Amino acid sequence: SLHEALFGDESRLADRLLALVIHPEEDVQIQACKVIVSLQCPQ
């Protein structure tokens, strides 16, 4: 499922997000940080 690909125990999403924090485009950097924050802090 999409859930397991993104949020499952074996997901490598965190590694991809960390790489995007230094992306050349600022919009991509900011959005990657937003995803990291949403993963760390439940609403």
All heavy atoms as atom14 arrays in JSON, in Angstrom:
{
  "sequence": "SLHEALFGDESRLADRLLALVIHPEEDVQIQACKVIVSLQCPQ",
  "atom14_mask": [
    [1, 1, 1, 1, 1, 1, 0, 0, 0, 0, 0, 0, 0, 0],
    [1, 1, 1, 1, 1, 1, 1, 1, 0, 0, 0, 0, 0, 0],
    [1, 1, 1, 1, 1, 1, 1, 1, 1, 1, 0, 0, 0, 0],
    [1, 1, 1, 1, 1, 1, 1, 1, 1, 0, 0, 0, 0, 0],
    [1, 1, 1, 1, 1, 0, 0, 0, 0, 0, 0, 0, 0, 0],
    [1, 1, 1, 1, 1, 1, 1, 1, 0, 0, 0, 0, 0, 0],
    [1, 1, 1, 1, 1, 1, 1, 1, 1, 1, 1, 0, 0, 0],
    [1, 1, 1, 1, 0, 0, 0, 0, 0, 0, 0, 0, 0, 0],
    [1, 1, 1, 1, 1, 1, 1, 1, 0, 0, 0, 0, 0, 0],
    [1, 1, 1, 1, 1, 1, 1, 1, 1, 0, 0, 0, 0, 0],
    [1, 1, 1, 1, 1, 1, 0, 0, 0, 0, 0, 0, 0, 0],
    [1, 1, 1, 1, 1, 1, 1, 1, 1, 1, 1, 0, 0, 0],
    [1, 1, 1, 1, 1, 1, 1, 1, 0, 0, 0, 0, 0, 0],
    [1, 1, 1, 1, 1, 0, 0, 0, 0, 0, 0, 0, 0, 0],
    [1, 1, 1, 1, 1, 1, 1, 1, 0, 0, 0, 0, 0, 0],
    [1, 1, 1, 1, 1, 1, 1, 1, 1, 1, 1, 0, 0, 0],
    [1, 1, 1, 1, 1, 1, 1, 1, 0, 0, 0, 0, 0, 0],
    [1, 1, 1, 1, 1, 1, 1, 1, 0, 0, 0, 0, 0, 0],
    [1, 1, 1, 1, 1, 0, 0, 0, 0, 0, 0, 0, 0, 0],
    [1, 1, 1, 1, 1, 1, 1, 1, 0, 0, 0, 0, 0, 0],
    [1, 1, 1, 1, 1, 1, 1, 0, 0, 0, 0, 0, 0, 0],
    [1, 1, 1, 1, 1, 1, 1, 1, 0, 0, 0, 0, 0, 0],
    [1, 1, 1, 1, 1, 1, 1, 1, 1, 1, 0, 0, 0, 0],
    [1, 1, 1, 1, 1, 1, 1, 0, 0, 0, 0, 0, 0, 0],
    [1, 1, 1, 1, 1, 1, 1, 1, 1, 0, 0, 0, 0, 0],
    [1, 1, 1, 1, 1, 1, 1, 1, 1, 0, 0, 0, 0, 0],
    [1, 1, 1, 1, 1, 1, 1, 1, 0, 0, 0, 0, 0, 0],
    [1, 1, 1, 1, 1, 1, 1, 0, 0, 0, 0, 0, 0, 0],
    [1, 1, 1, 1, 1, 1, 1, 1, 1, 0, 0, 0, 0, 0],
    [1, 1, 1, 1, 1, 1, 1, 1, 0, 0, 0, 0, 0, 0],
    [1, 1, 1, 1, 1, 1, 1, 1, 1, 0, 0, 0, 0, 0],
    [1, 1, 1, 1, 1, 0, 0, 0, 0, 0, 0, 0, 0, 0],
    [1, 1, 1, 1, 1, 1, 0, 0, 0, 0, 0, 0, 0, 0],
    [1, 1, 1, 1, 1, 1, 1, 1, 1, 0, 0, 0, 0, 0],
    [1, 1, 1, 1, 1, 1, 1, 0, 0, 0, 0, 0, 0, 0],
    [1, 1, 1, 1, 1, 1, 1, 1, 0, 0, 0, 0, 0, 0],
    [1, 1, 1, 1, 1, 1, 1, 0, 0, 0, 0, 0, 0, 0],
    [1, 1, 1, 1, 1, 1, 0, 0, 0, 0, 0, 0, 0, 0],
    [1, 1, 1, 1, 1, 1, 1, 1, 0, 0, 0, 0, 0, 0],
    [1, 1, 1, 1, 1, 1, 1, 1, 1, 0, 0, 0, 0, 0],
    [1, 1, 1, 1, 1, 1, 0, 0, 0, 0, 0, 0, 0, 0],
    [1, 1, 1, 1, 1, 1, 1, 0, 0, 0, 0, 0, 0, 0],
    [1, 1, 1, 1, 1, 1, 1, 1, 1, 0, 0, 0, 0, 0]
  ],
  "atom14_positions": [
    [[0.83, -1.21, 0.0], [0.0, 0.0, 0.0], [0.86, 1.26, 0.0], [2.06, 1.23, 0.33], [-0.93, 0.01, 1.21], [-0.17, 0.15, 2.4], [0.0, 0.0, 0.0], [0.0, 0.0, 0.0], [0.0, 0.0, 0.0], [0.0, 0.0, 0.0], [0.0, 0.0, 0.0], [0.0, 0.0, 0.0], [0.0, 0.0, 0.0], [0.0, 0.0, 0.0]],
    [[0.23, 2.37, -0.35], [0.9, 3.67, -0.3], [1.32, 3.99, 1.13], [2.39, 4.56, 1.35], [-0.04, 4.75, -0.84], [0.44, 6.19, -0.77], [1.71, 6.38, -1.6], [-0.65, 7.15, -1.25], [0.0, 0.0, 0.0], [0.0, 0.0, 0.0], [0.0, 0.0, 0.0], [0.0, 0.0, 0.0], [0.0, 0.0, 0.0], [0.0, 0.0, 0.0]],
    [[0.49, 3.59, 2.1], [0.83, 3.84, 3.5], [2.15, 3.18, 3.87], [3.02, 3.8, 4.51], [-0.3, 3.33, 4.4], [-0.02, 3.52, 5.87], [0.72, 2.62, 6.6], [-0.35, 4.53, 6.72], [0.82, 3.05, 7.86], [0.19, 4.21, 7.95], [0.0, 0.0, 0.0], [0.0, 0.0, 0.0], [0.0, 0.0, 0.0], [0.0, 0.0, 0.0]],
    [[2.34, 1.93, 3.47], [3.56, 1.23, 3.82], [4.77, 1.81, 3.09], [5.87, 1.86, 3.62], [3.42, -0.26, 3.49], [2.39, -0.97, 4.36], [2.69, -0.81, 5.84], [3.77, -1.27, 6.29], [1.86, -0.23, 6.57], [0.0, 0.0, 0.0], [0.0, 0.0, 0.0], [0.0, 0.0, 0.0], [0.0, 0.0, 0.0], [0.0, 0.0, 0.0]],
    [[4.56, 2.27, 1.85], [5.67, 2.86, 1.09], [6.15, 4.16, 1.73], [7.36, 4.46, 1.72], [5.23, 3.1, -0.35], [0.0, 0.0, 0.0], [0.0, 0.0, 0.0], [0.0, 0.0, 0.0], [0.0, 0.0, 0.0], [0.0, 0.0, 0.0], [0.0, 0.0, 0.0], [0.0, 0.0, 0.0], [0.0, 0.0, 0.0], [0.0, 0.0, 0.0]],
    [[5.22, 4.92, 2.29], [5.57, 6.22, 2.86], [5.83, 6.17, 4.36], [6.76, 6.82, 4.86], [4.47, 7.24, 2.57], [4.23, 7.62, 1.11], [3.08, 8.61, 1.01], [5.48, 8.2, 0.48], [0.0, 0.0, 0.0], [0.0, 0.0, 0.0], [0.0, 0.0, 0.0], [0.0, 0.0, 0.0], [0.0, 0.0, 0.0], [0.0, 0.0, 0.0]],
    [[4.99, 5.44, 5.07], [5.01, 5.53, 6.53], [5.29, 4.19, 7.24], [5.25, 4.13, 8.46], [3.67, 6.08, 7.03], [3.22, 7.33, 6.31], [2.04, 7.34, 5.57], [3.98, 8.48, 6.36], [1.63, 8.49, 4.91], [3.58, 9.63, 5.69], [2.41, 9.64, 4.96], [0.0, 0.0, 0.0], [0.0, 0.0, 0.0], [0.0, 0.0, 0.0]],
    [[5.53, 3.14, 6.48], [5.76, 1.83, 7.08], [7.13, 1.73, 7.75], [8.0, 2.6, 7.58], [0.0, 0.0, 0.0], [0.0, 0.0, 0.0], [0.0, 0.0, 0.0], [0.0, 0.0, 0.0], [0.0, 0.0, 0.0], [0.0, 0.0, 0.0], [0.0, 0.0, 0.0], [0.0, 0.0, 0.0], [0.0, 0.0, 0.0], [0.0, 0.0, 0.0]],
    [[7.33, 0.67, 8.52], [8.58, 0.48, 9.25], [9.79, 0.39, 8.32], [10.9, 0.76, 8.7], [8.5, -0.79, 10.11], [7.51, -0.62, 11.25], [7.2, 0.54, 11.6], [7.04, -1.64, 11.8], [0.0, 0.0, 0.0], [0.0, 0.0, 0.0], [0.0, 0.0, 0.0], [0.0, 0.0, 0.0], [0.0, 0.0, 0.0], [0.0, 0.0, 0.0]],
    [[9.59, -0.13, 7.12], [10.7, -0.31, 6.19], [10.83, 0.84, 5.19], [11.63, 0.76, 4.25], [10.52, -1.63, 5.42], [10.38, -2.85, 6.3], [11.59, -3.03, 7.21], [12.73, -2.76, 6.73], [11.41, -3.44, 8.37], [0.0, 0.0, 0.0], [0.0, 0.0, 0.0], [0.0, 0.0, 0.0], [0.0, 0.0, 0.0], [0.0, 0.0, 0.0]],
    [[10.06, 1.88, 5.36], [10.1, 3.0, 4.4], [11.42, 3.75, 4.48], [11.98, 3.94, 5.57], [8.94, 3.96, 4.68], [9.03, 5.1, 3.84], [0.0, 0.0, 0.0], [0.0, 0.0, 0.0], [0.0, 0.0, 0.0], [0.0, 0.0, 0.0], [0.0, 0.0, 0.0], [0.0, 0.0, 0.0], [0.0, 0.0, 0.0], [0.0, 0.0, 0.0]],
    [[11.9, 4.2, 3.35], [13.11, 5.01, 3.28], [12.78, 6.47, 2.95], [13.61, 7.21, 2.43], [14.05, 4.45, 2.19], [14.42, 2.99, 2.36], [15.14, 2.74, 3.68], [16.38, 3.5, 3.77], [17.13, 3.55, 4.87], [16.73, 2.93, 5.98], [18.24, 4.26, 4.9], [0.0, 0.0, 0.0], [0.0, 0.0, 0.0], [0.0, 0.0, 0.0]],
    [[11.56, 6.86, 3.27], [11.14, 8.23, 2.97], [12.02, 9.25, 3.68], [12.34, 10.3, 3.13], [9.67, 8.42, 3.38], [9.1, 9.83, 3.19], [9.12, 10.23, 1.71], [7.68, 9.93, 3.74], [0.0, 0.0, 0.0], [0.0, 0.0, 0.0], [0.0, 0.0, 0.0], [0.0, 0.0, 0.0], [0.0, 0.0, 0.0], [0.0, 0.0, 0.0]],
    [[12.41, 8.95, 4.93], [13.22, 9.91, 5.69], [14.51, 10.25, 4.95], [14.91, 11.42, 4.89], [13.53, 9.33, 7.07], [0.0, 0.0, 0.0], [0.0, 0.0, 0.0], [0.0, 0.0, 0.0], [0.0, 0.0, 0.0], [0.0, 0.0, 0.0], [0.0, 0.0, 0.0], [0.0, 0.0, 0.0], [0.0, 0.0, 0.0], [0.0, 0.0, 0.0]],
    [[15.16, 9.26, 4.38], [16.41, 9.51, 3.64], [16.17, 10.42, 2.45], [16.97, 11.32, 2.16], [17.01, 8.19, 3.17], [17.39, 7.28, 4.34], [17.67, 7.82, 5.42], [17.4, 6.05, 4.15], [0.0, 0.0, 0.0], [0.0, 0.0, 0.0], [0.0, 0.0, 0.0], [0.0, 0.0, 0.0], [0.0, 0.0, 0.0], [0.0, 0.0, 0.0]],
    [[15.07, 10.18, 1.75], [14.76, 11.02, 0.57], [14.47, 12.47, 1.0], [14.87, 13.41, 0.32], [13.56, 10.44, -0.18], [13.77, 9.02, -0.69], [14.89, 8.96, -1.71], [15.29, 7.61, -2.04], [14.73, 6.87, -2.99], [13.75, 7.36, -3.71], [15.17, 5.65, -3.23], [0.0, 0.0, 0.0], [0.0, 0.0, 0.0], [0.0, 0.0, 0.0]],
    [[13.77, 12.61, 2.11], [13.44, 13.96, 2.57], [14.68, 14.73, 2.98], [14.81, 15.93, 2.69], [12.45, 13.88, 3.74], [11.05, 13.35, 3.41], [10.23, 13.19, 4.67], [10.34, 14.27, 2.43], [0.0, 0.0, 0.0], [0.0, 0.0, 0.0], [0.0, 0.0, 0.0], [0.0, 0.0, 0.0], [0.0, 0.0, 0.0], [0.0, 0.0, 0.0]],
    [[15.59, 14.06, 3.68], [16.83, 14.74, 4.09], [17.63, 15.2, 2.89], [18.27, 16.27, 2.91], [17.66, 13.8, 4.96], [17.09, 13.53, 6.36], [17.89, 12.46, 7.06], [17.05, 14.81, 7.19], [0.0, 0.0, 0.0], [0.0, 0.0, 0.0], [0.0, 0.0, 0.0], [0.0, 0.0, 0.0], [0.0, 0.0, 0.0], [0.0, 0.0, 0.0]],
    [[17.63, 14.42, 1.81], [18.34, 14.81, 0.6], [17.69, 16.02, -0.06], [18.37, 16.85, -0.68], [18.39, 13.64, -0.37], [0.0, 0.0, 0.0], [0.0, 0.0, 0.0], [0.0, 0.0, 0.0], [0.0, 0.0, 0.0], [0.0, 0.0, 0.0], [0.0, 0.0, 0.0], [0.0, 0.0, 0.0], [0.0, 0.0, 0.0], [0.0, 0.0, 0.0]],
    [[16.36, 16.14, 0.07], [15.64, 17.24, -0.57], [15.75, 18.55, 0.21], [15.43, 19.62, -0.32], [14.17, 16.87, -0.75], [13.91, 15.73, -1.74], [12.42, 15.4, -1.8], [14.42, 16.09, -3.13], [0.0, 0.0, 0.0], [0.0, 0.0, 0.0], [0.0, 0.0, 0.0], [0.0, 0.0, 0.0], [0.0, 0.0, 0.0], [0.0, 0.0, 0.0]],
    [[16.18, 18.48, 1.48], [16.35, 19.7, 2.27], [17.43, 20.59, 1.66], [17.41, 21.82, 1.85], [16.69, 19.33, 3.74], [17.12, 20.56, 4.52], [15.48, 18.7, 4.4], [0.0, 0.0, 0.0], [0.0, 0.0, 0.0], [0.0, 0.0, 0.0], [0.0, 0.0, 0.0], [0.0, 0.0, 0.0], [0.0, 0.0, 0.0], [0.0, 0.0, 0.0]],
    [[18.35, 20.01, 0.91], [19.41, 20.81, 0.27], [19.19, 20.89, -1.24], [20.14, 21.11, -2.0], [20.8, 20.22, 0.58], [20.88, 18.75, 0.12], [21.12, 20.34, 2.06], [22.26, 18.15, 0.22], [0.0, 0.0, 0.0], [0.0, 0.0, 0.0], [0.0, 0.0, 0.0], [0.0, 0.0, 0.0], [0.0, 0.0, 0.0], [0.0, 0.0, 0.0]],
    [[17.95, 20.73, -1.67], [17.64, 20.82, -3.1], [17.88, 22.25, -3.6], [17.68, 23.22, -2.84], [16.17, 20.42, -3.32], [15.81, 20.21, -4.75], [15.39, 21.24, -5.58], [15.82, 19.11, -5.54], [15.14, 20.77, -6.79], [15.39, 19.48, -6.78], [0.0, 0.0, 0.0], [0.0, 0.0, 0.0], [0.0, 0.0, 0.0], [0.0, 0.0, 0.0]],
    [[18.3, 22.42, -4.84], [18.56, 23.78, -5.37], [17.34, 24.69, -5.34], [17.5, 25.92, -5.23], [19.01, 23.52, -6.81], [19.5, 22.1, -6.82], [18.68, 21.38, -5.82], [0.0, 0.0, 0.0], [0.0, 0.0, 0.0], [0.0, 0.0, 0.0], [0.0, 0.0, 0.0], [0.0, 0.0, 0.0], [0.0, 0.0, 0.0], [0.0, 0.0, 0.0]],
    [[16.13, 24.15, -5.47], [14.94, 24.99, -5.51], [14.39, 25.21, -4.1], [14.12, 24.25, -3.37], [13.88, 24.36, -6.41], [14.33, 24.24, -7.87], [13.24, 23.75, -8.79], [12.05, 24.02, -8.49], [13.55, 23.1, -9.8], [0.0, 0.0, 0.0], [0.0, 0.0, 0.0], [0.0, 0.0, 0.0], [0.0, 0.0, 0.0], [0.0, 0.0, 0.0]],
    [[14.19, 26.46, -3.76], [13.78, 26.81, -2.4], [12.4, 26.24, -2.05], [12.17, 25.79, -0.93], [13.77, 28.33, -2.23], [13.48, 28.79, -0.81], [13.51, 30.3, -0.68], [13.76, 30.98, -1.69], [13.28, 30.8, 0.44], [0.0, 0.0, 0.0], [0.0, 0.0, 0.0], [0.0, 0.0, 0.0], [0.0, 0.0, 0.0], [0.0, 0.0, 0.0]],
    [[11.47, 26.26, -3.01], [10.14, 25.73, -2.74], [10.19, 24.26, -2.35], [9.45, 23.82, -1.46], [9.24, 25.9, -3.98], [8.86, 27.34, -4.23], [9.06, 28.16, -3.31], [8.38, 27.65, -5.33], [0.0, 0.0, 0.0], [0.0, 0.0, 0.0], [0.0, 0.0, 0.0], [0.0, 0.0, 0.0], [0.0, 0.0, 0.0], [0.0, 0.0, 0.0]],
    [[11.06, 23.51, -3.0], [11.21, 22.1, -2.68], [11.82, 21.94, -1.29], [11.37, 21.09, -0.49], [12.08, 21.39, -3.74], [12.35, 19.94, -3.33], [11.39, 21.43, -5.1], [0.0, 0.0, 0.0], [0.0, 0.0, 0.0], [0.0, 0.0, 0.0], [0.0, 0.0, 0.0], [0.0, 0.0, 0.0], [0.0, 0.0, 0.0], [0.0, 0.0, 0.0]],
    [[12.82, 22.74, -0.95], [13.43, 22.69, 0.38], [12.38, 22.92, 1.48], [12.29, 22.15, 2.44], [14.52, 23.76, 0.51], [15.74, 23.57, -0.37], [16.72, 24.71, -0.19], [16.65, 25.48, 0.77], [17.65, 24.84, -1.12], [0.0, 0.0, 0.0], [0.0, 0.0, 0.0], [0.0, 0.0, 0.0], [0.0, 0.0, 0.0], [0.0, 0.0, 0.0]],
    [[11.62, 24.0, 1.31], [10.63, 24.36, 2.33], [9.59, 23.27, 2.48], [9.21, 22.88, 3.6], [9.97, 25.7, 1.96], [10.99, 26.83, 2.03], [8.78, 25.99, 2.88], [10.49, 28.16, 1.52], [0.0, 0.0, 0.0], [0.0, 0.0, 0.0], [0.0, 0.0, 0.0], [0.0, 0.0, 0.0], [0.0, 0.0, 0.0], [0.0, 0.0, 0.0]],
    [[9.11, 22.72, 1.35], [8.08, 21.7, 1.41], [8.62, 20.41, 2.04], [7.91, 19.73, 2.78], [7.52, 21.43, 0.02], [6.23, 20.64, 0.0], [5.12, 21.32, 0.8], [4.91, 22.52, 0.7], [4.43, 20.54, 1.61], [0.0, 0.0, 0.0], [0.0, 0.0, 0.0], [0.0, 0.0, 0.0], [0.0, 0.0, 0.0], [0.0, 0.0, 0.0]],
    [[9.87, 20.08, 1.78], [10.48, 18.9, 2.4], [10.54, 19.07, 3.92], [10.27, 18.12, 4.67], [11.88, 18.67, 1.83], [0.0, 0.0, 0.0], [0.0, 0.0, 0.0], [0.0, 0.0, 0.0], [0.0, 0.0, 0.0], [0.0, 0.0, 0.0], [0.0, 0.0, 0.0], [0.0, 0.0, 0.0], [0.0, 0.0, 0.0], [0.0, 0.0, 0.0]],
    [[10.87, 20.27, 4.37], [10.89, 20.54, 5.82], [9.5, 20.41, 6.42], [9.34, 19.91, 7.55], [11.46, 21.93, 6.08], [13.22, 22.1, 5.71], [0.0, 0.0, 0.0], [0.0, 0.0, 0.0], [0.0, 0.0, 0.0], [0.0, 0.0, 0.0], [0.0, 0.0, 0.0], [0.0, 0.0, 0.0], [0.0, 0.0, 0.0], [0.0, 0.0, 0.0]],
    [[8.49, 20.86, 5.7], [7.12, 20.74, 6.19], [6.72, 19.28, 6.38], [6.05, 18.92, 7.35], [6.15, 21.43, 5.23], [6.21, 22.94, 5.25], [5.17, 23.53, 4.29], [5.18, 25.05, 4.34], [4.17, 25.63, 3.41], [0.0, 0.0, 0.0], [0.0, 0.0, 0.0], [0.0, 0.0, 0.0], [0.0, 0.0, 0.0], [0.0, 0.0, 0.0]],
    [[7.13, 18.43, 5.43], [6.81, 17.01, 5.55], [7.52, 16.41, 6.75], [6.94, 15.64, 7.52], [7.19, 16.25, 4.27], [6.88, 14.77, 4.42], [6.44, 16.81, 3.07], [0.0, 0.0, 0.0], [0.0, 0.0, 0.0], [0.0, 0.0, 0.0], [0.0, 0.0, 0.0], [0.0, 0.0, 0.0], [0.0, 0.0, 0.0], [0.0, 0.0, 0.0]],
    [[8.77, 16.78, 6.96], [9.52, 16.28, 8.11], [8.84, 16.67, 9.41], [8.67, 15.85, 10.32], [10.97, 16.82, 8.08], [11.72, 16.22, 6.89], [11.69, 16.5, 9.39], [13.1, 16.83, 6.67], [0.0, 0.0, 0.0], [0.0, 0.0, 0.0], [0.0, 0.0, 0.0], [0.0, 0.0, 0.0], [0.0, 0.0, 0.0], [0.0, 0.0, 0.0]],
    [[8.4, 17.93, 9.51], [7.71, 18.39, 10.71], [6.41, 17.63, 10.91], [6.07, 17.21, 12.03], [7.45, 19.9, 10.63], [6.55, 20.36, 11.78], [8.76, 20.67, 10.66], [0.0, 0.0, 0.0], [0.0, 0.0, 0.0], [0.0, 0.0, 0.0], [0.0, 0.0, 0.0], [0.0, 0.0, 0.0], [0.0, 0.0, 0.0], [0.0, 0.0, 0.0]],
    [[5.66, 17.4, 9.83], [4.39, 16.69, 9.97], [4.6, 15.24, 10.4], [3.77, 14.66, 11.09], [3.6, 16.73, 8.66], [4.23, 15.95, 7.67], [0.0, 0.0, 0.0], [0.0, 0.0, 0.0], [0.0, 0.0, 0.0], [0.0, 0.0, 0.0], [0.0, 0.0, 0.0], [0.0, 0.0, 0.0], [0.0, 0.0, 0.0], [0.0, 0.0, 0.0]],
    [[5.72, 14.64, 9.99], [6.02, 13.27, 10.41], [6.43, 13.21, 11.88], [6.11, 12.24, 12.58], [7.16, 12.7, 9.56], [6.86, 12.44, 8.09], [8.12, 12.0, 7.36], [5.78, 11.39, 7.93], [0.0, 0.0, 0.0], [0.0, 0.0, 0.0], [0.0, 0.0, 0.0], [0.0, 0.0, 0.0], [0.0, 0.0, 0.0], [0.0, 0.0, 0.0]],
    [[7.09, 14.24, 12.37], [7.6, 14.23, 13.74], [6.55, 14.62, 14.77], [6.61, 14.17, 15.9], [8.78, 15.2, 13.85], [9.99, 14.79, 13.05], [10.67, 13.58, 13.64], [10.26, 12.45, 13.41], [11.7, 13.81, 14.43], [0.0, 0.0, 0.0], [0.0, 0.0, 0.0], [0.0, 0.0, 0.0], [0.0, 0.0, 0.0], [0.0, 0.0, 0.0]],
    [[5.61, 15.47, 14.35], [4.66, 16.03, 15.31], [3.23, 15.75, 14.91], [2.68, 16.43, 14.04], [4.85, 17.54, 15.43], [6.51, 18.02, 15.94], [0.0, 0.0, 0.0], [0.0, 0.0, 0.0], [0.0, 0.0, 0.0], [0.0, 0.0, 0.0], [0.0, 0.0, 0.0], [0.0, 0.0, 0.0], [0.0, 0.0, 0.0], [0.0, 0.0, 0.0]],
    [[2.57, 14.77, 15.49], [1.14, 14.56, 15.25], [0.34, 15.79, 15.61], [0.72, 16.57, 16.48], [0.8, 13.37, 16.17], [2.11, 12.68, 16.39], [3.15, 13.77, 16.38], [0.0, 0.0, 0.0], [0.0, 0.0, 0.0], [0.0, 0.0, 0.0], [0.0, 0.0, 0.0], [0.0, 0.0, 0.0], [0.0, 0.0, 0.0], [0.0, 0.0, 0.0]],
    [[-0.81, 15.96, 14.97], [-1.59, 17.18, 15.13], [-2.07, 17.4, 16.55], [-2.2, 18.51, 17.02], [-2.8, 17.16, 14.18], [-2.42, 17.43, 12.74], [-3.63, 17.58, 11.86], [-4.75, 17.43, 12.3], [-3.38, 17.88, 10.6], [0.0, 0.0, 0.0], [0.0, 0.0, 0.0], [0.0, 0.0, 0.0], [0.0, 0.0, 0.0], [0.0, 0.0, 0.0]]
  ]
}
